[in-house]
Amino acid sequence: MKVKTIIKILIIAIFSLSFIACEDNKKEVKEIKFTPSLPMPEWDETNSKKIWNVYKNWHDAKKDPVPAMKIGYEYSEKLHDYEKALEWYKYADSMIPLGENSYFACYALQKLKRYDEAISWCKKAIDLKWDKALFRMGKVLELKKEFNKAIKYYEQSFKKDKDKVAANNLGLIFSLELKEYDKAELWFKKSIQEGYQLAYKNFSIFYHKRLKNDIKASAYAIAVIDTKYTKTSVLKLLQKTWKIPKETIKKGYELQLNSDEFPIKYKGKLKLK
């Protein structure tokens, strides 16, 4: 037998053995199933049709927390049925605790205004290293008017993820609740630097109502024209609602146009009446 023929036979044999080994490995992989300690939520004939894209996995949810969590999420975000969503989150958690699931449960309880329960679920999510729950915990505590505690969690959320909404909320707490205007100004600026457009509006209100600085109030309102807000709505606010003089508005326009303080700038013409 020629050497080339022998080599070919050996190659074929090696490939055959590899294929058999792969098949054996596939057979060894077992489907992981979880045993819930809570009863599965009842079948919802009416709403299952509205969220069929996830409800079709209802049978998988019997032994798998992820499909169960997804069904809960659909109840929350599409149907705004937070009670039913919570049933599914609790059911998923009874199989195995997951940070994301605990976070969603915290949110559902926040919407139901059951804040103490929400805090316990947010804490669980944080313990499971789900960092998004830091913001949610801050929000729940803010709604409970426990502002100093809320501040700590918002600050942690910003430190972890540069959370622009947490920074904006800190600006609001320091401005509206604690009257610490230096800190409010600092956090609104951080939110704006991270690209949160709603912070421009809040900062504009802050300068107009709290610091009585209508040049900066005008500047922050004008900067986001043609992004989140129309020119008509901004000028109506400045001229008719706040009754800011034209010359002050013009100075605000120039400020936002020429200062590095404004990541977003409006470069069009104002055409003030």
Protein backbone atom coordinates (compact mmCIF):
# COMPACT_ATOMS: atom_id res chain seq x y z
CA MET A 1 0.00 0.00 0.00
CA LYS A 2 1.35 3.43 -0.93
CA VAL A 3 2.34 5.92 1.78
CA LYS A 4 -0.17 8.53 0.45
CA THR A 5 -3.01 6.02 0.68
CA ILE A 6 -2.09 5.13 4.27
CA ILE A 7 -2.06 8.83 5.24
CA LYS A 8 -5.51 9.35 3.70
CA ILE A 9 -6.92 6.38 5.64
CA LEU A 10 -5.44 7.72 8.91
CA ILE A 11 -6.94 11.22 8.31
CA ILE A 12 -10.38 9.73 7.66
CA ALA A 13 -10.10 7.64 10.82
CA ILE A 14 -9.14 10.67 12.94
CA PHE A 15 -12.10 12.69 11.61
CA SER A 16 -14.45 9.80 12.30
CA LEU A 17 -13.23 9.51 15.90
CA SER A 18 -13.58 13.28 16.41
CA PHE A 19 -17.15 13.21 15.12
CA ILE A 20 -18.05 10.34 17.46
CA ALA A 21 -16.47 12.21 20.41
CA CYS A 22 -18.51 15.32 19.59
CA GLU A 23 -21.69 13.28 19.43
CA ASP A 24 -20.88 11.70 22.80
CA ASN A 25 -20.31 15.15 24.33
CA LYS A 26 -23.65 16.34 23.00
CA LYS A 27 -25.37 13.40 24.67
CA GLU A 28 -23.71 14.28 27.99
CA VAL A 29 -25.16 17.83 28.01
CA LYS A 30 -28.28 17.77 30.13
CA GLU A 31 -31.02 20.37 30.11
CA ILE A 32 -30.92 22.38 33.32
CA LYS A 33 -34.30 22.67 34.98
CA PHE A 34 -35.28 24.54 38.11
CA THR A 35 -37.90 23.61 40.65
CA PRO A 36 -40.04 26.58 41.72
CA SER A 37 -41.19 26.89 45.31
CA LEU A 38 -44.21 29.00 44.33
CA PRO A 39 -47.14 27.94 42.17
CA MET A 40 -47.03 29.11 38.56
CA PRO A 41 -49.29 32.12 37.85
CA GLU A 42 -52.57 31.15 36.28
CA TRP A 43 -53.01 31.14 32.52
CA ASP A 44 -54.37 34.50 31.38
CA GLU A 45 -56.42 33.78 28.28
CA THR A 46 -57.20 37.40 27.41
CA ASN A 47 -53.83 39.04 27.89
CA SER A 48 -51.79 36.11 26.61
CA LYS A 49 -52.95 37.05 23.12
CA LYS A 50 -51.65 40.59 23.55
CA ILE A 51 -48.15 39.44 24.49
CA TRP A 52 -48.05 36.16 22.62
CA ASN A 53 -44.44 36.70 21.52
CA VAL A 54 -43.33 35.72 25.04
CA TYR A 55 -46.41 33.93 26.32
CA LYS A 56 -45.81 31.18 23.73
CA ASN A 57 -42.93 30.15 26.03
CA TRP A 58 -45.37 29.58 28.90
CA HIS A 59 -44.47 25.88 29.09
CA ASP A 60 -40.75 26.71 29.21
CA ALA A 61 -41.46 29.07 32.11
CA LYS A 62 -42.53 26.10 34.23
CA LYS A 63 -38.90 25.13 34.83
CA ASP A 64 -36.89 28.14 33.61
CA PRO A 65 -36.76 31.55 35.39
CA VAL A 66 -35.78 33.54 32.28
CA PRO A 67 -38.98 32.95 30.24
CA ALA A 68 -40.98 33.56 33.44
CA MET A 69 -39.20 36.88 33.95
CA LYS A 70 -39.82 37.86 30.31
CA ILE A 71 -43.54 37.24 30.70
CA GLY A 72 -43.53 39.47 33.78
CA TYR A 73 -41.69 42.17 31.85
CA GLU A 74 -44.31 42.12 29.09
CA TYR A 75 -47.10 42.51 31.66
CA SER A 76 -45.23 45.47 33.11
CA GLU A 77 -44.13 47.33 30.00
CA LYS A 78 -46.84 46.52 27.46
CA LEU A 79 -49.93 46.03 29.61
CA HIS A 80 -48.92 48.11 32.66
CA ASP A 81 -50.36 45.35 34.83
CA TYR A 82 -47.81 45.57 37.62
CA GLU A 83 -49.63 43.17 39.94
CA LYS A 84 -49.52 40.39 37.35
CA ALA A 85 -45.95 41.27 36.45
CA LEU A 86 -44.99 40.92 40.10
CA GLU A 87 -46.56 37.46 40.27
CA TRP A 88 -44.27 36.32 37.46
CA TYR A 89 -41.19 37.97 38.95
CA LYS A 90 -41.82 36.29 42.28
CA TYR A 91 -42.40 32.98 40.56
CA ALA A 92 -39.12 33.32 38.62
CA ASP A 93 -37.31 34.23 41.84
CA SER A 94 -38.67 31.11 43.52
CA MET A 95 -36.62 29.06 41.04
CA ILE A 96 -33.38 31.02 41.37
CA PRO A 97 -32.67 34.64 42.38
CA LEU A 98 -31.49 36.77 39.46
CA GLY A 99 -30.37 40.39 39.75
CA GLU A 100 -32.31 41.54 36.69
CA ASN A 101 -35.51 39.86 37.89
CA SER A 102 -35.20 41.45 41.35
CA TYR A 103 -34.67 44.83 39.70
CA PHE A 104 -37.87 44.42 37.67
CA ALA A 105 -39.76 43.40 40.80
CA CYS A 106 -38.51 46.54 42.54
CA TYR A 107 -39.74 48.65 39.62
CA ALA A 108 -43.18 47.00 39.61
CA LEU A 109 -43.54 47.65 43.33
CA GLN A 110 -42.43 51.25 42.84
CA LYS A 111 -45.24 51.70 40.29
CA LEU A 112 -47.66 50.15 42.81
CA LYS A 113 -46.36 52.61 45.45
CA ARG A 114 -45.42 49.76 47.76
CA TYR A 115 -42.10 51.37 48.54
CA ASP A 116 -40.92 49.31 51.50
CA GLU A 117 -41.34 46.10 49.51
CA ALA A 118 -39.64 47.74 46.55
CA ILE A 119 -36.63 48.59 48.70
CA SER A 120 -36.21 44.96 49.75
CA TRP A 121 -36.19 43.80 46.12
CA CYS A 122 -33.81 46.54 45.04
CA LYS A 123 -31.46 45.57 47.86
CA LYS A 124 -31.62 41.98 46.65
CA ALA A 125 -30.75 43.08 43.12
CA ILE A 126 -27.82 45.16 44.39
CA ASP A 127 -26.54 42.21 46.44
CA LEU A 128 -26.69 40.17 43.23
CA LYS A 129 -24.44 42.80 41.57
CA TRP A 130 -27.14 44.25 39.32
CA ASP A 131 -25.81 47.82 39.26
CA LYS A 132 -28.89 49.33 37.57
CA ALA A 133 -30.72 48.76 40.84
CA LEU A 134 -28.64 51.53 42.44
CA PHE A 135 -30.60 54.12 40.46
CA ARG A 136 -33.91 52.37 41.13
CA MET A 137 -33.19 52.29 44.87
CA GLY A 138 -32.43 56.01 44.74
CA LYS A 139 -35.71 56.67 42.96
CA VAL A 140 -37.78 54.68 45.45
CA LEU A 141 -36.13 56.46 48.38
CA GLU A 142 -36.71 59.82 46.68
CA LEU A 143 -40.40 58.98 46.33
CA LYS A 144 -40.42 58.11 50.03
CA LYS A 145 -38.90 61.56 50.63
CA GLU A 146 -35.85 60.00 52.24
CA PHE A 147 -33.64 62.36 50.29
CA ASN A 148 -30.31 61.86 52.06
CA LYS A 149 -30.53 58.10 51.51
CA ALA A 150 -31.61 58.63 47.90
CA ILE A 151 -28.58 60.85 47.30
CA LYS A 152 -26.19 58.08 48.36
CA TYR A 153 -27.62 55.60 45.85
CA TYR A 154 -27.82 58.14 43.01
CA GLU A 155 -24.18 59.05 43.65
CA GLN A 156 -23.20 55.38 43.56
CA SER A 157 -25.09 54.93 40.29
CA PHE A 158 -23.27 57.89 38.75
CA LYS A 159 -19.91 56.62 40.01
CA LYS A 160 -20.53 53.14 38.57
CA ASP A 161 -22.05 54.00 35.19
CA LYS A 162 -21.86 57.79 34.69
CA ASP A 163 -25.64 57.66 35.05
CA LYS A 164 -26.88 60.93 33.51
CA VAL A 165 -30.43 60.53 34.85
CA ALA A 166 -29.12 59.96 38.39
CA ALA A 167 -27.06 63.16 38.05
CA ASN A 168 -30.14 65.08 36.88
CA ASN A 169 -32.20 63.72 39.78
CA LEU A 170 -29.50 64.79 42.21
CA GLY A 171 -29.70 68.28 40.73
CA LEU A 172 -33.46 68.30 41.32
CA ILE A 173 -33.18 67.05 44.91
CA PHE A 174 -30.52 69.62 45.84
CA SER A 175 -32.46 72.38 44.08
CA LEU A 176 -36.08 71.69 45.00
CA GLU A 177 -35.85 69.78 48.27
CA LEU A 178 -32.65 70.70 50.08
CA LYS A 179 -32.05 74.21 48.67
CA GLU A 180 -28.34 73.49 48.28
CA TYR A 181 -27.90 75.38 45.05
CA ASP A 182 -24.13 74.95 44.63
CA LYS A 183 -24.57 71.16 44.66
CA ALA A 184 -27.62 71.38 42.39
CA GLU A 185 -25.59 73.38 39.85
CA LEU A 186 -22.76 70.84 40.01
CA TRP A 187 -25.01 67.84 39.34
CA PHE A 188 -27.01 69.47 36.56
CA LYS A 189 -23.71 70.24 34.81
CA LYS A 190 -22.59 66.62 35.18
CA SER A 191 -25.86 65.40 33.70
CA ILE A 192 -25.48 67.76 30.75
CA GLN A 193 -21.88 66.68 30.17
CA GLU A 194 -23.16 63.10 29.92
CA GLY A 195 -25.66 64.19 27.24
CA TYR A 196 -28.98 64.25 29.10
CA GLN A 197 -31.14 66.75 27.23
CA LEU A 198 -33.89 67.00 29.85
CA ALA A 199 -31.28 68.41 32.24
CA TYR A 200 -31.04 71.53 30.02
CA LYS A 201 -34.71 72.27 30.72
CA ASN A 202 -34.31 71.62 34.44
CA PHE A 203 -31.16 73.75 34.56
CA SER A 204 -32.95 76.57 32.75
CA ILE A 205 -35.79 76.47 35.30
CA PHE A 206 -33.21 76.33 38.10
CA TYR A 207 -31.46 79.49 36.88
CA HIS A 208 -34.71 81.37 36.31
CA LYS A 209 -36.55 80.45 39.50
CA ARG A 210 -33.79 79.77 42.01
CA LEU A 211 -30.79 81.92 41.05
CA LYS A 212 -32.67 84.64 39.12
CA ASN A 213 -30.11 84.48 36.32
CA ASP A 214 -32.12 84.87 33.13
CA ILE A 215 -29.10 85.02 30.81
CA LYS A 216 -28.15 81.47 31.78
CA ALA A 217 -31.80 80.43 31.93
CA SER A 218 -32.15 81.60 28.33
CA ALA A 219 -28.87 79.98 27.28
CA TYR A 220 -29.79 76.50 28.53
CA ALA A 221 -33.26 76.69 27.03
CA ILE A 222 -31.99 77.91 23.64
CA ALA A 223 -29.19 75.30 23.42
CA VAL A 224 -31.63 72.43 22.87
CA ILE A 225 -33.79 74.08 20.22
CA ASP A 226 -34.41 71.63 17.35
CA THR A 227 -33.31 68.66 19.46
CA LYS A 228 -35.84 67.87 22.16
CA TYR A 229 -37.76 71.14 21.90
CA THR A 230 -38.98 73.38 19.06
CA LYS A 231 -37.88 77.01 18.69
CA THR A 232 -41.50 78.13 19.00
CA SER A 233 -41.99 76.36 22.36
CA VAL A 234 -38.68 77.65 23.78
CA LEU A 235 -39.30 81.28 22.79
CA LYS A 236 -42.85 81.07 24.11
CA LEU A 237 -41.48 79.93 27.47
CA LEU A 238 -38.81 82.65 27.62
CA GLN A 239 -40.85 85.58 26.29
CA LYS A 240 -44.46 84.94 27.24
CA THR A 241 -44.30 82.69 30.31
CA TRP A 242 -41.16 84.02 31.98
CA LYS A 243 -41.32 87.49 30.36
CA ILE A 244 -37.58 87.72 29.80
CA PRO A 245 -36.55 90.82 27.80
CA LYS A 246 -35.24 90.40 24.22
CA GLU A 247 -31.79 91.73 25.06
CA THR A 248 -31.38 89.19 27.86
CA ILE A 249 -32.46 86.36 25.56
CA LYS A 250 -29.94 87.54 22.94
CA LYS A 251 -27.17 87.44 25.56
CA GLY A 252 -28.24 83.90 26.47
CA TYR A 253 -28.08 82.92 22.79
CA GLU A 254 -24.52 84.28 22.51
CA LEU A 255 -23.48 82.56 25.74
CA GLN A 256 -24.56 79.08 24.63
CA LEU A 257 -23.02 79.67 21.21
CA ASN A 258 -19.56 80.69 22.47
CA SER A 259 -19.10 78.86 25.79
CA ASP A 260 -17.54 75.41 26.24
CA GLU A 261 -20.08 74.89 29.02
CA PHE A 262 -22.61 73.81 26.38
CA PRO A 263 -21.98 70.46 24.61
CA ILE A 264 -25.11 71.14 22.54
CA LYS A 265 -25.48 74.51 20.81
CA TYR A 266 -28.21 76.11 18.73
CA LYS A 267 -26.59 77.91 15.78
CA GLY A 268 -29.72 78.97 13.91
CA LYS A 269 -31.35 82.40 13.98
CA LEU A 270 -33.78 83.25 16.76
CA LYS A 271 -35.82 85.93 14.92
CA LEU A 272 -37.16 87.44 18.13
CA LYS A 273 -40.37 89.44 17.79
